[in-house]
Amino acid sequence: MNKSILIMFLSFLFTNNLNAELSTGRLDELLIKKDKYDRKVRIYYPSNNEIDEKTTFIIMNDGEELFLEGDSWRGRTWRIDKSFDELNKAGINLNVVIVAIHSAKRYKGKFFDDTRRYIELFPKEVIPYFKESRKKKIYSSLSKNNYPKFLVEVVVPFLEKKFQVSLNKNNLGVIGSSMGGLSALNTVIEYPEIFGFAGCLSTHWVGIKPSEYLLLPFRKKIDGDKDTTQAIKKYVSANISKIKNHKIYFDHGTIGLDYLYREPQNDINQIFLENGMTFESKVLKGHDHDPVDFGKRFSPSLSYLLN
């Protein structure tokens, strides 16, 4: 047996075992080249609907936290398969395909794997809105990887070829949590003709101080950085006209890291209200900055974004 056939056989066995643990639906797993690394991508089919131009494709960030607990670095996930199982039992059969992109943080990686995700998902277009400072220079020096551009130039063409469909704002959206939520909003703002909606759960508006960043793998608490928050708000305000005809969903909890999001989310809500935007913003009392809580909010976010 040659090497390529062996790899295909092992992948087939792994995927079958993976699907056996899902509550509903099935997964395909593949690798897509990104920079020096092969990025793991999982395509999830929650139903047996025919895939065509009427199918809604949803790219979801941090794919390793969406399905089985063994995939996540902390053993806690959204379990979106269970959400779809509950929807199916309620007679709600959504014609969607989920494209789960694993983050730059590799499972059980080395020290800087823990910080790579923040670098990748931070919106590069926010950097010009920082005041001239060493902090701005640090962000600029770390801004080489452009994640939304990777989605548009690599992932979207791959999906179009695989499924023989044309993807645009009428059938494509993006959802994420924390930095993934911030990236989701950034993606829609920068590519409004390609993405029609964004689900931003527990959006990490507050950034991180450089000193916190260096100690990120060891810290249990992040205080955030006011300069970063102000730059993000300025970026959103300056570019909000690009997404006048798009649906945006926001939410956050009230405890843990999510407690820090209350004030900046209110400011973002005000920017959206002043500009007559179509959006929803929810506060979930008692919810923490945790994948299990994100999973509880997945179905409500879909309900708003797809209706």
Protein backbone atom coordinates (compact mmCIF):
# COMPACT_ATOMS: atom_id res chain seq x y z
CA MET A 1 0.00 0.00 0.00
CA ASN A 2 1.56 3.34 -1.03
CA LYS A 3 1.66 6.33 1.29
CA SER A 4 -1.16 8.35 -0.33
CA ILE A 5 -3.57 5.40 -0.22
CA LEU A 6 -2.66 4.75 3.42
CA ILE A 7 -3.33 8.40 4.32
CA MET A 8 -6.69 8.30 2.55
CA PHE A 9 -7.61 5.05 4.34
CA LEU A 10 -6.67 6.40 7.77
CA SER A 11 -8.56 9.64 7.07
CA PHE A 12 -11.62 7.59 6.09
CA LEU A 13 -11.47 5.61 9.35
CA PHE A 14 -10.95 8.76 11.43
CA THR A 15 -13.85 10.59 9.80
CA ASN A 16 -16.16 7.61 10.26
CA ASN A 17 -15.29 7.45 13.97
CA LEU A 18 -15.79 11.19 14.25
CA ASN A 19 -19.22 11.05 12.62
CA ALA A 20 -20.28 8.21 14.89
CA GLU A 21 -19.96 10.56 17.88
CA LEU A 22 -22.11 13.34 16.40
CA SER A 23 -25.72 13.82 17.50
CA THR A 24 -26.78 14.43 13.91
CA GLY A 25 -25.28 15.20 10.52
CA ARG A 26 -21.87 14.29 9.15
CA LEU A 27 -18.43 15.81 8.76
CA ASP A 28 -15.81 15.86 6.02
CA GLU A 29 -12.28 16.79 7.04
CA LEU A 30 -9.57 18.26 4.83
CA LEU A 31 -6.48 20.43 4.86
CA ILE A 32 -6.12 23.77 3.07
CA LYS A 33 -2.75 25.44 2.66
CA LYS A 34 -2.29 28.66 4.62
CA ASP A 35 1.17 30.22 4.76
CA LYS A 36 3.59 27.61 6.17
CA TYR A 37 0.87 25.45 7.66
CA ASP A 38 -1.88 23.16 6.44
CA ARG A 39 -5.07 24.53 7.99
CA LYS A 40 -7.61 21.95 9.09
CA VAL A 41 -11.11 22.57 7.73
CA ARG A 42 -14.21 20.56 8.55
CA ILE A 43 -17.33 20.75 6.43
CA TYR A 44 -20.46 19.85 8.38
CA TYR A 45 -23.71 18.76 6.77
CA PRO A 46 -26.49 18.94 9.39
CA SER A 47 -29.08 17.46 7.01
CA ASN A 48 -29.40 15.59 3.72
CA ASN A 49 -30.68 18.62 1.82
CA GLU A 50 -29.50 19.00 -1.75
CA ILE A 51 -26.69 21.54 -1.93
CA ASP A 52 -27.33 24.26 -4.49
CA GLU A 53 -27.61 28.04 -4.84
CA LYS A 54 -30.37 28.04 -2.19
CA THR A 55 -28.06 26.52 0.41
CA THR A 56 -26.60 28.96 2.93
CA PHE A 57 -22.91 28.44 3.63
CA ILE A 58 -21.67 29.57 7.04
CA ILE A 59 -17.96 29.88 7.73
CA MET A 60 -17.28 29.45 11.44
CA ASN A 61 -14.05 30.47 13.12
CA ASP A 62 -12.22 28.36 15.74
CA GLY A 63 -13.48 25.12 14.24
CA GLU A 64 -11.75 23.01 16.89
CA GLU A 65 -14.27 24.28 19.47
CA LEU A 66 -17.46 23.52 17.54
CA PHE A 67 -17.97 19.76 17.76
CA LEU A 68 -16.41 17.08 19.97
CA GLU A 69 -14.86 17.91 23.32
CA GLY A 70 -11.70 15.96 22.53
CA ASP A 71 -10.84 18.45 19.78
CA SER A 72 -10.71 21.49 22.05
CA TRP A 73 -7.63 22.49 24.01
CA ARG A 74 -9.78 22.83 27.15
CA GLY A 75 -12.27 20.04 26.54
CA ARG A 76 -15.28 22.32 26.16
CA THR A 77 -17.07 22.99 22.87
CA TRP A 78 -20.19 24.51 21.31
CA ARG A 79 -21.50 21.09 20.18
CA ILE A 80 -23.36 22.66 17.27
CA ASP A 81 -24.33 19.15 16.16
CA LYS A 82 -26.54 18.96 19.26
CA SER A 83 -28.07 22.33 18.38
CA PHE A 84 -28.99 21.06 14.93
CA ASP A 85 -30.35 17.84 16.45
CA GLU A 86 -32.66 19.90 18.66
CA LEU A 87 -33.74 22.02 15.68
CA ASN A 88 -34.48 18.89 13.65
CA LYS A 89 -36.58 17.45 16.48
CA ALA A 90 -38.51 20.73 16.55
CA GLY A 91 -39.25 20.32 12.84
CA ILE A 92 -36.78 23.01 11.76
CA ASN A 93 -34.68 21.69 8.86
CA LEU A 94 -32.22 24.38 7.84
CA ASN A 95 -30.64 24.20 4.39
CA VAL A 96 -27.14 25.12 5.53
CA VAL A 97 -23.56 23.90 5.29
CA ILE A 98 -21.10 24.75 8.07
CA VAL A 99 -17.47 25.34 7.13
CA ALA A 100 -15.43 25.11 10.34
CA ILE A 101 -11.95 26.65 10.03
CA HIS A 102 -9.52 25.60 12.74
CA SER A 103 -7.63 28.43 14.38
CA ALA A 104 -3.93 29.16 14.17
CA LYS A 105 -3.62 27.85 17.71
CA ARG A 106 -2.53 24.28 17.11
CA TYR A 107 -3.59 21.56 19.55
CA LYS A 108 -0.96 21.01 22.25
CA GLY A 109 1.41 23.25 20.36
CA LYS A 110 4.46 25.14 21.53
CA PHE A 111 4.50 28.35 23.56
CA PHE A 112 3.77 30.81 20.78
CA ASP A 113 0.95 28.68 19.37
CA ASP A 114 -1.08 30.11 22.25
CA THR A 115 -0.61 33.65 20.96
CA ARG A 116 -0.70 33.04 17.19
CA ARG A 117 -4.51 33.05 17.10
CA TYR A 118 -4.75 36.61 18.45
CA ILE A 119 -2.27 37.86 15.85
CA GLU A 120 -4.18 36.20 13.02
CA LEU A 121 -7.71 37.24 13.99
CA PHE A 122 -7.03 40.83 15.00
CA PRO A 123 -8.39 43.11 12.21
CA LYS A 124 -5.43 44.61 10.39
CA GLU A 125 -7.59 47.51 9.17
CA VAL A 126 -7.96 48.70 12.78
CA ILE A 127 -4.26 49.51 13.11
CA PRO A 128 -4.40 52.91 11.32
CA TYR A 129 -6.92 54.05 13.95
CA PHE A 130 -4.42 53.69 16.80
CA LYS A 131 -2.75 56.80 18.08
CA GLU A 132 0.89 57.07 17.03
CA SER A 133 2.68 55.03 19.65
CA ARG A 134 4.92 52.05 20.23
CA LYS A 135 1.75 49.97 20.56
CA LYS A 136 0.74 50.87 17.02
CA LYS A 137 4.19 49.88 15.78
CA ILE A 138 3.94 46.53 17.59
CA TYR A 139 0.56 45.79 15.99
CA SER A 140 1.90 46.82 12.58
CA SER A 141 4.88 44.49 12.91
CA LEU A 142 2.56 41.56 13.70
CA SER A 143 0.01 42.24 10.95
CA LYS A 144 1.32 40.02 8.15
CA ASN A 145 -1.39 37.32 8.24
CA ASN A 146 -4.73 38.47 6.83
CA TYR A 147 -7.36 35.93 7.84
CA PRO A 148 -10.39 37.42 5.99
CA LYS A 149 -8.28 37.58 2.83
CA PHE A 150 -7.45 33.88 3.27
CA LEU A 151 -11.17 33.11 3.51
CA VAL A 152 -11.95 35.08 0.34
CA GLU A 153 -8.99 34.08 -1.80
CA VAL A 154 -8.57 30.44 -0.73
CA VAL A 155 -11.56 29.02 1.15
CA VAL A 156 -14.40 30.55 -0.87
CA PRO A 157 -12.98 29.51 -4.30
CA PHE A 158 -12.40 26.01 -2.92
CA LEU A 159 -16.03 25.77 -1.79
CA GLU A 160 -17.34 27.12 -5.09
CA LYS A 161 -15.38 24.52 -7.01
CA LYS A 162 -16.27 21.65 -4.67
CA PHE A 163 -20.01 22.34 -4.62
CA GLN A 164 -20.38 23.98 -8.04
CA VAL A 165 -22.08 27.05 -6.59
CA SER A 166 -21.45 30.78 -6.68
CA LEU A 167 -20.99 32.23 -3.20
CA ASN A 168 -21.85 35.83 -2.37
CA LYS A 169 -23.67 37.94 0.21
CA ASN A 170 -26.95 36.19 -0.62
CA ASN A 171 -25.82 32.74 0.51
CA LEU A 172 -22.66 33.18 2.59
CA GLY A 173 -22.03 34.41 6.12
CA VAL A 174 -19.51 34.10 8.94
CA ILE A 175 -19.85 33.40 12.67
CA GLY A 176 -17.32 33.44 15.49
CA SER A 177 -16.83 34.05 19.20
CA SER A 178 -14.41 36.26 21.11
CA MET A 179 -11.58 37.15 18.68
CA GLY A 180 -13.45 35.00 16.14
CA GLY A 181 -16.45 37.29 16.59
CA LEU A 182 -14.33 40.38 16.06
CA SER A 183 -12.87 38.78 12.95
CA ALA A 184 -16.38 37.91 11.69
CA LEU A 185 -17.41 41.57 11.81
CA ASN A 186 -14.11 42.60 10.20
CA THR A 187 -14.66 40.04 7.42
CA VAL A 188 -18.11 41.37 6.52
CA ILE A 189 -16.93 44.99 6.62
CA GLU A 190 -13.98 44.31 4.32
CA TYR A 191 -15.87 42.00 1.95
CA PRO A 192 -19.52 43.14 2.00
CA GLU A 193 -20.27 41.81 -1.49
CA ILE A 194 -19.14 38.31 -0.52
CA PHE A 195 -20.51 37.94 3.03
CA GLY A 196 -24.12 38.83 3.82
CA PHE A 197 -24.18 38.42 7.59
CA ALA A 198 -22.01 38.06 10.68
CA GLY A 199 -22.65 36.37 14.01
CA CYS A 200 -20.42 37.93 16.68
CA LEU A 201 -20.71 36.10 20.01
CA SER A 202 -18.91 37.59 23.01
CA THR A 203 -16.92 39.84 20.69
CA HIS A 204 -13.51 40.67 22.11
CA TRP A 205 -13.68 44.44 21.83
CA VAL A 206 -11.15 45.04 24.58
CA GLY A 207 -7.93 43.81 22.97
CA ILE A 208 -4.96 42.92 25.10
CA LYS A 209 -2.01 44.85 26.50
CA PRO A 210 1.42 43.93 25.07
CA SER A 211 2.53 42.73 28.52
CA GLU A 212 -0.58 40.55 28.78
CA TYR A 213 0.02 39.20 25.29
CA LEU A 214 3.50 37.94 26.12
CA LEU A 215 2.14 36.12 29.16
CA LEU A 216 -1.07 34.95 27.47
CA PRO A 217 -0.41 31.20 27.81
CA PHE A 218 -0.03 31.61 31.59
CA ARG A 219 -2.64 34.25 32.44
CA LYS A 220 -6.08 33.40 33.78
CA LYS A 221 -7.28 37.00 33.64
CA ILE A 222 -7.08 39.66 30.92
CA ASP A 223 -7.83 43.28 31.71
CA GLY A 224 -7.95 44.50 28.13
CA ASP A 225 -6.54 47.65 26.58
CA LYS A 226 -8.47 50.91 26.21
CA ASP A 227 -6.40 52.10 23.24
CA THR A 228 -7.30 48.95 21.31
CA THR A 229 -10.99 49.31 22.18
CA GLN A 230 -11.03 52.93 20.99
CA ALA A 231 -9.29 52.02 17.73
CA ILE A 232 -11.81 49.23 17.05
CA LYS A 233 -14.76 51.56 17.68
CA LYS A 234 -13.29 54.20 15.35
CA TYR A 235 -12.80 51.55 12.65
CA VAL A 236 -16.39 50.32 12.94
CA SER A 237 -17.79 53.86 12.90
CA ALA A 238 -15.75 54.84 9.84
CA ASN A 239 -16.74 51.75 7.84
CA ILE A 240 -20.28 50.98 8.95
CA SER A 241 -21.82 52.32 5.74
CA LYS A 242 -20.36 49.28 3.93
CA ILE A 243 -22.76 46.92 5.72
CA LYS A 244 -26.02 48.89 5.53
CA ASN A 245 -27.81 45.93 3.96
CA HIS A 246 -26.29 43.20 6.12
CA LYS A 247 -27.52 41.40 9.22
CA ILE A 248 -25.28 41.48 12.28
CA TYR A 249 -25.84 39.55 15.51
CA PHE A 250 -24.09 40.45 18.78
CA ASP A 251 -24.28 38.98 22.25
CA HIS A 252 -22.28 38.64 25.44
CA GLY A 253 -22.57 37.19 28.94
CA THR A 254 -22.28 38.94 32.28
CA ILE A 255 -19.52 37.10 34.12
CA GLY A 256 -15.84 36.35 33.61
CA LEU A 257 -14.17 38.01 30.63
CA ASP A 258 -17.60 38.74 29.15
CA TYR A 259 -18.20 41.28 31.91
CA LEU A 260 -15.63 43.54 30.21
CA TYR A 261 -17.69 43.60 27.00
CA ARG A 262 -20.74 45.41 28.40
CA GLU A 263 -19.56 49.00 27.93
CA PRO A 264 -17.84 48.62 24.51
CA GLN A 265 -20.79 46.58 23.18
CA ASN A 266 -23.16 49.34 24.25
CA ASP A 267 -20.97 51.84 22.38
CA ILE A 268 -21.02 49.66 19.26
CA ASN A 269 -24.80 49.28 19.57
CA GLN A 270 -25.11 53.07 19.67
CA ILE A 271 -23.03 53.41 16.50
CA PHE A 272 -25.30 50.88 14.79
CA LEU A 273 -28.47 52.61 16.01
CA GLU A 274 -27.29 56.03 14.86
CA ASN A 275 -26.65 54.62 11.40
CA GLY A 276 -29.96 52.77 11.07
CA MET A 277 -28.35 49.34 10.93
CA THR A 278 -30.09 45.97 10.95
CA PHE A 279 -28.72 44.16 13.98
CA GLU A 280 -29.54 42.36 17.20
CA SER A 281 -27.65 42.60 20.47
CA LYS A 282 -28.37 40.31 23.42
CA VAL A 283 -27.10 40.13 27.00
CA LEU A 284 -27.18 36.65 28.55
CA LYS A 285 -27.23 36.86 32.34
CA GLY A 286 -24.94 34.32 33.98
CA HIS A 287 -23.17 33.35 30.76
CA ASP A 288 -19.38 33.19 30.88
CA HIS A 289 -16.67 33.40 28.22
CA ASP A 290 -16.98 29.71 27.53
CA PRO A 291 -17.61 27.51 24.45
CA VAL A 292 -20.47 25.71 26.20
CA ASP A 293 -22.26 29.04 26.71
CA PHE A 294 -21.48 30.06 23.12
CA GLY A 295 -23.16 26.83 22.02
CA LYS A 296 -26.32 27.74 23.95
CA ARG A 297 -26.52 30.92 21.90
CA PHE A 298 -25.85 29.31 18.53
CA SER A 299 -29.47 28.49 17.65
CA PRO A 300 -30.77 31.98 18.60
CA SER A 301 -28.04 33.56 16.47
CA LEU A 302 -29.03 31.37 13.50
CA SER A 303 -32.69 32.18 14.02
CA TYR A 304 -31.97 35.88 13.68
CA LEU A 305 -29.39 35.71 10.89
CA LEU A 306 -31.27 33.30 8.60
CA ASN A 307 -34.79 34.74 8.93
